[in-house]
Amino acid sequence: MKKITRQLNTLLVSAVLCFSFSITTFAENTVKYSNELTITPIRVFFAILIIPAFIVTEIAFEKIREKRVEKRNKKYGKDKE
């Protein structure tokens, strides 16, 4: 019963969100933005900065994961002996 209620709530919330986003899409008195590409130096800077930042975070997470796996393996190795 709880599973059905949870699924029904998820469906209702999804429908309400979709409906609310569609209302703002068809609003007539909104600010119109042009479709022109606006490239500013600050946007270029952040776009270039994101790539090395992503690589650094991936390397950092990999190092942290390796340390935790090594620590876990040592712990289980001691328990078995």
PDB file of N, CA and C in Angstrom:
ATOM      1  N   MET A   1       0.829  -1.198   0.000  1.00  0.00           N
ATOM      2  CA  MET A   1       0.000   0.000   0.000  1.00  0.00           C
ATOM      3  C   MET A   1       0.870   1.258   0.000  1.00  0.00           C
ATOM      4  N   LYS A   2       1.955   1.218   0.808  1.00  0.00           N
ATOM      5  CA  LYS A   2       2.834   2.383   0.864  1.00  0.00           C
ATOM      6  C   LYS A   2       3.510   2.616  -0.480  1.00  0.00           C
ATOM      7  N   LYS A   3       3.863   1.531  -1.165  1.00  0.00           N
ATOM      8  CA  LYS A   3       4.536   1.655  -2.457  1.00  0.00           C
ATOM      9  C   LYS A   3       3.617   2.315  -3.481  1.00  0.00           C
ATOM     10  N   ILE A   4       2.345   1.926  -3.494  1.00  0.00           N
ATOM     11  CA  ILE A   4       1.382   2.508  -4.427  1.00  0.00           C
ATOM     12  C   ILE A   4       1.163   3.986  -4.110  1.00  0.00           C
ATOM     13  N   THR A   5       1.057   4.314  -2.819  1.00  0.00           N
ATOM     14  CA  THR A   5       0.870   5.700  -2.405  1.00  0.00           C
ATOM     15  C   THR A   5       2.081   6.550  -2.804  1.00  0.00           C
ATOM     16  N   ARG A   6       3.271   6.008  -2.613  1.00  0.00           N
ATOM     17  CA  ARG A   6       4.488   6.734  -2.967  1.00  0.00           C
ATOM     18  C   ARG A   6       4.556   6.972  -4.474  1.00  0.00           C
ATOM     19  N   GLN A   7       4.213   5.957  -5.258  1.00  0.00           N
ATOM     20  CA  GLN A   7       4.225   6.110  -6.713  1.00  0.00           C
ATOM     21  C   GLN A   7       3.176   7.112  -7.172  1.00  0.00           C
ATOM     22  N   LEU A   8       2.004   7.085  -6.552  1.00  0.00           N
ATOM     23  CA  LEU A   8       0.949   8.038  -6.893  1.00  0.00           C
ATOM     24  C   LEU A   8       1.372   9.466  -6.554  1.00  0.00           C
ATOM     25  N   ASN A   9       1.993   9.644  -5.395  1.00  0.00           N
ATOM     26  CA  ASN A   9       2.481  10.979  -5.019  1.00  0.00           C
ATOM     27  C   ASN A   9       3.552  11.460  -5.996  1.00  0.00           C
ATOM     28  N   THR A  10       4.444  10.572  -6.391  1.00  0.00           N
ATOM     29  CA  THR A  10       5.481  10.938  -7.360  1.00  0.00           C
ATOM     30  C   THR A  10       4.860  11.351  -8.684  1.00  0.00           C
ATOM     31  N   LEU A  11       3.889  10.615  -9.138  1.00  0.00           N
ATOM     32  CA  LEU A  11       3.209  10.933 -10.390  1.00  0.00           C
ATOM     33  C   LEU A  11       2.495  12.276 -10.302  1.00  0.00           C
ATOM     34  N   LEU A  12       1.802  12.528  -9.209  1.00  0.00           N
ATOM     35  CA  LEU A  12       1.078  13.789  -9.047  1.00  0.00           C
ATOM     36  C   LEU A  12       2.030  14.982  -8.973  1.00  0.00           C
ATOM     37  N   VAL A  13       3.113  14.844  -8.227  1.00  0.00           N
ATOM     38  CA  VAL A  13       4.073  15.940  -8.117  1.00  0.00           C
ATOM     39  C   VAL A  13       4.721  16.202  -9.473  1.00  0.00           C
ATOM     40  N   SER A  14       5.040  15.149 -10.217  1.00  0.00           N
ATOM     41  CA  SER A  14       5.628  15.318 -11.550  1.00  0.00           C
ATOM     42  C   SER A  14       4.662  16.040 -12.483  1.00  0.00           C
ATOM     43  N   ALA A  15       3.387  15.666 -12.426  1.00  0.00           N
ATOM     44  CA  ALA A  15       2.385  16.313 -13.274  1.00  0.00           C
ATOM     45  C   ALA A  15       2.222  17.788 -12.909  1.00  0.00           C
ATOM     46  N   VAL A  16       2.209  18.086 -11.628  1.00  0.00           N
ATOM     47  CA  VAL A  16       2.073  19.480 -11.188  1.00  0.00           C
ATOM     48  C   VAL A  16       3.280  20.303 -11.626  1.00  0.00           C
ATOM     49  N   LEU A  17       4.476  19.742 -11.486  1.00  0.00           N
ATOM     50  CA  LEU A  17       5.670  20.465 -11.920  1.00  0.00           C
ATOM     51  C   LEU A  17       5.667  20.706 -13.425  1.00  0.00           C
ATOM     52  N   CYS A  18       5.315  19.703 -14.196  1.00  0.00           N
ATOM     53  CA  CYS A  18       5.253  19.867 -15.648  1.00  0.00           C
ATOM     54  C   CYS A  18       4.242  20.942 -16.023  1.00  0.00           C
ATOM     55  N   PHE A  19       3.098  20.929 -15.375  1.00  0.00           N
ATOM     56  CA  PHE A  19       2.064  21.921 -15.655  1.00  0.00           C
ATOM     57  C   PHE A  19       2.521  23.324 -15.272  1.00  0.00           C
ATOM     58  N   SER A  20       3.170  23.454 -14.107  1.00  0.00           N
ATOM     59  CA  SER A  20       3.612  24.779 -13.664  1.00  0.00           C
ATOM     60  C   SER A  20       4.702  25.336 -14.578  1.00  0.00           C
ATOM     61  N   PHE A  21       5.608  24.477 -15.074  1.00  0.00           N
ATOM     62  CA  PHE A  21       6.633  24.949 -15.997  1.00  0.00           C
ATOM     63  C   PHE A  21       6.030  25.324 -17.351  1.00  0.00           C
ATOM     64  N   SER A  22       4.985  24.636 -17.759  1.00  0.00           N
ATOM     65  CA  SER A  22       4.370  24.961 -19.047  1.00  0.00           C
ATOM     66  C   SER A  22       3.625  26.287 -18.984  1.00  0.00           C
ATOM     67  N   ILE A  23       3.116  26.645 -17.849  1.00  0.00           N
ATOM     68  CA  ILE A  23       2.415  27.929 -17.716  1.00  0.00           C
ATOM     69  C   ILE A  23       3.387  29.078 -17.928  1.00  0.00           C
ATOM     70  N   THR A  24       4.572  28.995 -17.327  1.00  0.00           N
ATOM     71  CA  THR A  24       5.532  30.083 -17.493  1.00  0.00           C
ATOM     72  C   THR A  24       6.066  30.143 -18.924  1.00  0.00           C
ATOM     73  N   THR A  25       6.034  29.051 -19.642  1.00  0.00           N
ATOM     74  CA  THR A  25       6.506  29.038 -21.023  1.00  0.00           C
ATOM     75  C   THR A  25       5.598  29.851 -21.919  1.00  0.00           C
ATOM     76  N   PHE A  26       4.294  29.778 -21.691  1.00  0.00           N
ATOM     77  CA  PHE A  26       3.344  30.453 -22.552  1.00  0.00           C
ATOM     78  C   PHE A  26       2.894  31.804 -22.012  1.00  0.00           C
ATOM     79  N   ALA A  27       3.582  32.329 -21.011  1.00  0.00           N
ATOM     80  CA  ALA A  27       3.228  33.647 -20.487  1.00  0.00           C
ATOM     81  C   ALA A  27       3.543  34.701 -21.546  1.00  0.00           C
ATOM     82  N   GLU A  28       2.669  35.678 -21.699  1.00  0.00           N
ATOM     83  CA  GLU A  28       2.819  36.651 -22.780  1.00  0.00           C
ATOM     84  C   GLU A  28       3.549  37.913 -22.361  1.00  0.00           C
ATOM     85  N   ASN A  29       3.424  38.340 -21.145  1.00  0.00           N
ATOM     86  CA  ASN A  29       4.044  39.592 -20.718  1.00  0.00           C
ATOM     87  C   ASN A  29       5.356  39.324 -19.982  1.00  0.00           C
ATOM     88  N   THR A  30       6.226  38.604 -20.624  1.00  0.00           N
ATOM     89  CA  THR A  30       7.507  38.303 -20.000  1.00  0.00           C
ATOM     90  C   THR A  30       8.623  39.038 -20.728  1.00  0.00           C
ATOM     91  N   VAL A  31       9.765  39.053 -20.130  1.00  0.00           N
ATOM     92  CA  VAL A  31      10.930  39.671 -20.746  1.00  0.00           C
ATOM     93  C   VAL A  31      11.416  38.758 -21.854  1.00  0.00           C
ATOM     94  N   LYS A  32      11.600  39.317 -23.015  1.00  0.00           N
ATOM     95  CA  LYS A  32      12.060  38.523 -24.160  1.00  0.00           C
ATOM     96  C   LYS A  32      13.573  38.638 -24.268  1.00  0.00           C
ATOM     97  N   TYR A  33      14.226  37.521 -24.362  1.00  0.00           N
ATOM     98  CA  TYR A  33      15.673  37.504 -24.531  1.00  0.00           C
ATOM     99  C   TYR A  33      15.995  37.113 -25.968  1.00  0.00           C
ATOM    100  N   SER A  34      17.032  37.703 -26.497  1.00  0.00           N
ATOM    101  CA  SER A  34      17.412  37.372 -27.862  1.00  0.00           C
ATOM    102  C   SER A  34      18.107  36.015 -27.885  1.00  0.00           C
ATOM    103  N   ASN A  35      18.119  35.384 -29.028  1.00  0.00           N
ATOM    104  CA  ASN A  35      18.760  34.096 -29.195  1.00  0.00           C
ATOM    105  C   ASN A  35      20.204  34.222 -29.653  1.00  0.00           C
ATOM    106  N   GLU A  36      20.719  35.433 -29.696  1.00  0.00           N
ATOM    107  CA  GLU A  36      22.092  35.645 -30.125  1.00  0.00           C
ATOM    108  C   GLU A  36      23.052  35.090 -29.083  1.00  0.00           C
ATOM    109  N   LEU A  37      24.161  34.559 -29.558  1.00  0.00           N
ATOM    110  CA  LEU A  37      25.182  34.096 -28.633  1.00  0.00           C
ATOM    111  C   LEU A  37      25.892  35.303 -28.041  1.00  0.00           C
ATOM    112  N   THR A  38      25.975  35.323 -26.753  1.00  0.00           N
ATOM    113  CA  THR A  38      26.680  36.418 -26.091  1.00  0.00           C
ATOM    114  C   THR A  38      27.931  35.845 -25.460  1.00  0.00           C
ATOM    115  N   ILE A  39      29.055  36.085 -26.091  1.00  0.00           N
ATOM    116  CA  ILE A  39      30.320  35.588 -25.582  1.00  0.00           C
ATOM    117  C   ILE A  39      31.052  36.758 -24.954  1.00  0.00           C
ATOM    118  N   THR A  40      31.247  36.657 -23.677  1.00  0.00           N
ATOM    119  CA  THR A  40      31.994  37.677 -22.964  1.00  0.00           C
ATOM    120  C   THR A  40      33.279  37.033 -22.450  1.00  0.00           C
ATOM    121  N   PRO A  41      34.273  37.820 -22.170  1.00  0.00           N
ATOM    122  CA  PRO A  41      35.536  37.253 -21.680  1.00  0.00           C
ATOM    123  C   PRO A  41      35.376  36.453 -20.382  1.00  0.00           C
ATOM    124  N   ILE A  42      34.474  36.881 -19.519  1.00  0.00           N
ATOM    125  CA  ILE A  42      34.299  36.152 -18.253  1.00  0.00           C
ATOM    126  C   ILE A  42      33.695  34.771 -18.501  1.00  0.00           C
ATOM    127  N   ARG A  43      32.800  34.649 -19.468  1.00  0.00           N
ATOM    128  CA  ARG A  43      32.222  33.349 -19.803  1.00  0.00           C
ATOM    129  C   ARG A  43      33.268  32.432 -20.419  1.00  0.00           C
ATOM    130  N   VAL A  44      34.116  32.991 -21.260  1.00  0.00           N
ATOM    131  CA  VAL A  44      35.188  32.193 -21.849  1.00  0.00           C
ATOM    132  C   VAL A  44      36.145  31.728 -20.760  1.00  0.00           C
ATOM    133  N   PHE A  45      36.455  32.613 -19.820  1.00  0.00           N
ATOM    134  CA  PHE A  45      37.348  32.262 -18.721  1.00  0.00           C
ATOM    135  C   PHE A  45      36.780  31.095 -17.916  1.00  0.00           C
ATOM    136  N   PHE A  46      35.504  31.171 -17.543  1.00  0.00           N
ATOM    137  CA  PHE A  46      34.914  30.099 -16.751  1.00  0.00           C
ATOM    138  C   PHE A  46      34.756  28.817 -17.560  1.00  0.00           C
ATOM    139  N   ALA A  47      34.492  28.934 -18.840  1.00  0.00           N
ATOM    140  CA  ALA A  47      34.388  27.735 -19.676  1.00  0.00           C
ATOM    141  C   ALA A  47      35.729  27.015 -19.756  1.00  0.00           C
ATOM    142  N   ILE A  48      36.807  27.772 -19.854  1.00  0.00           N
ATOM    143  CA  ILE A  48      38.135  27.165 -19.885  1.00  0.00           C
ATOM    144  C   ILE A  48      38.534  26.654 -18.504  1.00  0.00           C
ATOM    145  N   LEU A  49      38.104  27.315 -17.460  1.00  0.00           N
ATOM    146  CA  LEU A  49      38.434  26.925 -16.095  1.00  0.00           C
ATOM    147  C   LEU A  49      37.743  25.632 -15.678  1.00  0.00           C
ATOM    148  N   ILE A  50      36.579  25.357 -16.232  1.00  0.00           N
ATOM    149  CA  ILE A  50      35.807  24.182 -15.833  1.00  0.00           C
ATOM    150  C   ILE A  50      36.530  22.886 -16.195  1.00  0.00           C
ATOM    151  N   ILE A  51      37.177  22.840 -17.342  1.00  0.00           N
ATOM    152  CA  ILE A  51      37.813  21.596 -17.797  1.00  0.00           C
ATOM    153  C   ILE A  51      38.930  21.154 -16.846  1.00  0.00           C
ATOM    154  N   PRO A  52      39.899  22.011 -16.513  1.00  0.00           N
ATOM    155  CA  PRO A  52      40.920  21.561 -15.551  1.00  0.00           C
ATOM    156  C   PRO A  52      40.343  21.283 -14.166  1.00  0.00           C
ATOM    157  N   ALA A  53      39.335  22.058 -13.760  1.00  0.00           N
ATOM    158  CA  ALA A  53      38.724  21.819 -12.450  1.00  0.00           C
ATOM    159  C   ALA A  53      38.068  20.441 -12.401  1.00  0.00           C
ATOM    160  N   PHE A  54      37.415  20.053 -13.470  1.00  0.00           N
ATOM    161  CA  PHE A  54      36.800  18.734 -13.530  1.00  0.00           C
ATOM    162  C   PHE A  54      37.860  17.639 -13.458  1.00  0.00           C
ATOM    163  N   ILE A  55      38.947  17.810 -14.190  1.00  0.00           N
ATOM    164  CA  ILE A  55      40.014  16.808 -14.183  1.00  0.00           C
ATOM    165  C   ILE A  55      40.625  16.682 -12.793  1.00  0.00           C
ATOM    166  N   VAL A  56      40.864  17.813 -12.135  1.00  0.00           N
ATOM    167  CA  VAL A  56      41.447  17.793 -10.792  1.00  0.00           C
ATOM    168  C   VAL A  56      40.514  17.111  -9.798  1.00  0.00           C
ATOM    169  N   THR A  57      39.220  17.401  -9.873  1.00  0.00           N
ATOM    170  CA  THR A  57      38.287  16.748  -8.941  1.00  0.00           C
ATOM    171  C   THR A  57      38.204  15.246  -9.193  1.00  0.00           C
ATOM    172  N   GLU A  58      38.260  14.829 -10.448  1.00  0.00           N
ATOM    173  CA  GLU A  58      38.241  13.402 -10.746  1.00  0.00           C
ATOM    174  C   GLU A  58      39.474  12.709 -10.175  1.00  0.00           C
ATOM    175  N   ILE A  59      40.634  13.325 -10.321  1.00  0.00           N
ATOM    176  CA  ILE A  59      41.863  12.750  -9.767  1.00  0.00           C
ATOM    177  C   ILE A  59      41.785  12.693  -8.250  1.00  0.00           C
ATOM    178  N   ALA A  60      41.275  13.754  -7.630  1.00  0.00           N
ATOM    179  CA  ALA A  60      41.159  13.787  -6.171  1.00  0.00           C
ATOM    180  C   ALA A  60      40.208  12.700  -5.674  1.00  0.00           C
ATOM    181  N   PHE A  61      39.054  12.539  -6.316  1.00  0.00           N
ATOM    182  CA  PHE A  61      38.118  11.502  -5.893  1.00  0.00           C
ATOM    183  C   PHE A  61      38.708  10.110  -6.081  1.00  0.00           C
ATOM    184  N   GLU A  62      39.488   9.923  -7.137  1.00  0.00           N
ATOM    185  CA  GLU A  62      40.127   8.631  -7.374  1.00  0.00           C
ATOM    186  C   GLU A  62      41.141   8.320  -6.281  1.00  0.00           C
ATOM    187  N   LYS A  63      41.928   9.313  -5.876  1.00  0.00           N
ATOM    188  CA  LYS A  63      42.907   9.118  -4.797  1.00  0.00           C
ATOM    189  C   LYS A  63      42.207   8.784  -3.484  1.00  0.00           C
ATOM    190  N   ILE A  64      41.127   9.508  -3.188  1.00  0.00           N
ATOM    191  CA  ILE A  64      40.382   9.251  -1.954  1.00  0.00           C
ATOM    192  C   ILE A  64      39.790   7.840  -1.976  1.00  0.00           C
ATOM    193  N   ARG A  65      39.256   7.441  -3.113  1.00  0.00           N
ATOM    194  CA  ARG A  65      38.674   6.108  -3.221  1.00  0.00           C
ATOM    195  C   ARG A  65      39.745   5.031  -3.046  1.00  0.00           C
ATOM    196  N   GLU A  66      40.901   5.233  -3.657  1.00  0.00           N
ATOM    197  CA  GLU A  66      41.983   4.256  -3.521  1.00  0.00           C
ATOM    198  C   GLU A  66      42.425   4.121  -2.072  1.00  0.00           C
ATOM    199  N   LYS A  67      42.536   5.232  -1.353  1.00  0.00           N
ATOM    200  CA  LYS A  67      42.926   5.185   0.057  1.00  0.00           C
ATOM    201  C   LYS A  67      41.887   4.438   0.888  1.00  0.00           C
ATOM    202  N   ARG A  68      40.628   4.696   0.631  1.00  0.00           N
ATOM    203  CA  ARG A  68      39.579   4.014   1.398  1.00  0.00           C
ATOM    204  C   ARG A  68      39.542   2.523   1.104  1.00  0.00           C
ATOM    205  N   VAL A  69      39.737   2.157  -0.158  1.00  0.00           N
ATOM    206  CA  VAL A  69      39.753   0.734  -0.514  1.00  0.00           C
ATOM    207  C   VAL A  69      40.946   0.050   0.138  1.00  0.00           C
ATOM    208  N   GLU A  70      42.091   0.706   0.120  1.00  0.00           N
ATOM    209  CA  GLU A  70      43.282   0.136   0.746  1.00  0.00           C
ATOM    210  C   GLU A  70      43.083  -0.030   2.251  1.00  0.00           C
ATOM    211  N   LYS A  71      42.496   0.969   2.873  1.00  0.00           N
ATOM    212  CA  LYS A  71      42.218   0.906   4.311  1.00  0.00           C
ATOM    213  C   LYS A  71      41.228  -0.215   4.618  1.00  0.00           C
ATOM    214  N   ARG A  72      40.196  -0.356   3.793  1.00  0.00           N
ATOM    215  CA  ARG A  72      39.215  -1.410   3.987  1.00  0.00           C
ATOM    216  C   ARG A  72      39.832  -2.785   3.804  1.00  0.00           C
ATOM    217  N   ASN A  73      40.675  -2.930   2.787  1.00  0.00           N
ATOM    218  CA  ASN A  73      41.313  -4.219   2.550  1.00  0.00           C
ATOM    219  C   ASN A  73      42.243  -4.602   3.691  1.00  0.00           C
ATOM    220  N   LYS A  74      42.973  -3.646   4.261  1.00  0.00           N
ATOM    221  CA  LYS A  74      43.838  -3.928   5.405  1.00  0.00           C
ATOM    222  C   LYS A  74      43.013  -4.363   6.610  1.00  0.00           C
ATOM    223  N   LYS A  75      41.885  -3.697   6.802  1.00  0.00           N
ATOM    224  CA  LYS A  75      41.020  -4.015   7.941  1.00  0.00           C
ATOM    225  C   LYS A  75      40.479  -5.435   7.827  1.00  0.00           C
ATOM    226  N   TYR A  76      39.986  -5.808   6.649  1.00  0.00           N
ATOM    227  CA  TYR A  76      39.445  -7.148   6.479  1.00  0.00           C
ATOM    228  C   TYR A  76      40.541  -8.197   6.471  1.00  0.00           C
ATOM    229  N   GLY A  77      41.722  -7.827   6.025  1.00  0.00           N
ATOM    230  CA  GLY A  77      42.854  -8.762   6.039  1.00  0.00           C
ATOM    231  C   GLY A  77      43.255  -9.127   7.453  1.00  0.00           C
ATOM    232  N   LYS A  78      43.199  -8.180   8.367  1.00  0.00           N
ATOM    233  CA  LYS A  78      43.536  -8.437   9.774  1.00  0.00           C
ATOM    234  C   LYS A  78      42.481  -9.302  10.451  1.00  0.00           C
ATOM    235  N   ASP A  79      41.235  -9.094  10.090  1.00  0.00           N
ATOM    236  CA  ASP A  79      40.147  -9.866  10.712  1.00  0.00           C
ATOM    237  C   ASP A  79      40.231 -11.331  10.323  1.00  0.00           C
ATOM    238  N   LYS A  80      40.630 -11.645   9.111  1.00  0.00           N
ATOM    239  CA  LYS A  80      40.655 -13.039   8.638  1.00  0.00           C
ATOM    240  C   LYS A  80      41.820 -13.820   9.215  1.00  0.00           C
ATOM    241  N   GLU A  81      42.933 -13.146   9.510  1.00  0.00           N
ATOM    242  CA  GLU A  81      44.120 -13.856   9.989  1.00  0.00           C
ATOM    243  C   GLU A  81      44.038 -14.182  11.427  1.00  0.00           C
TER     244      GLU A  81
END
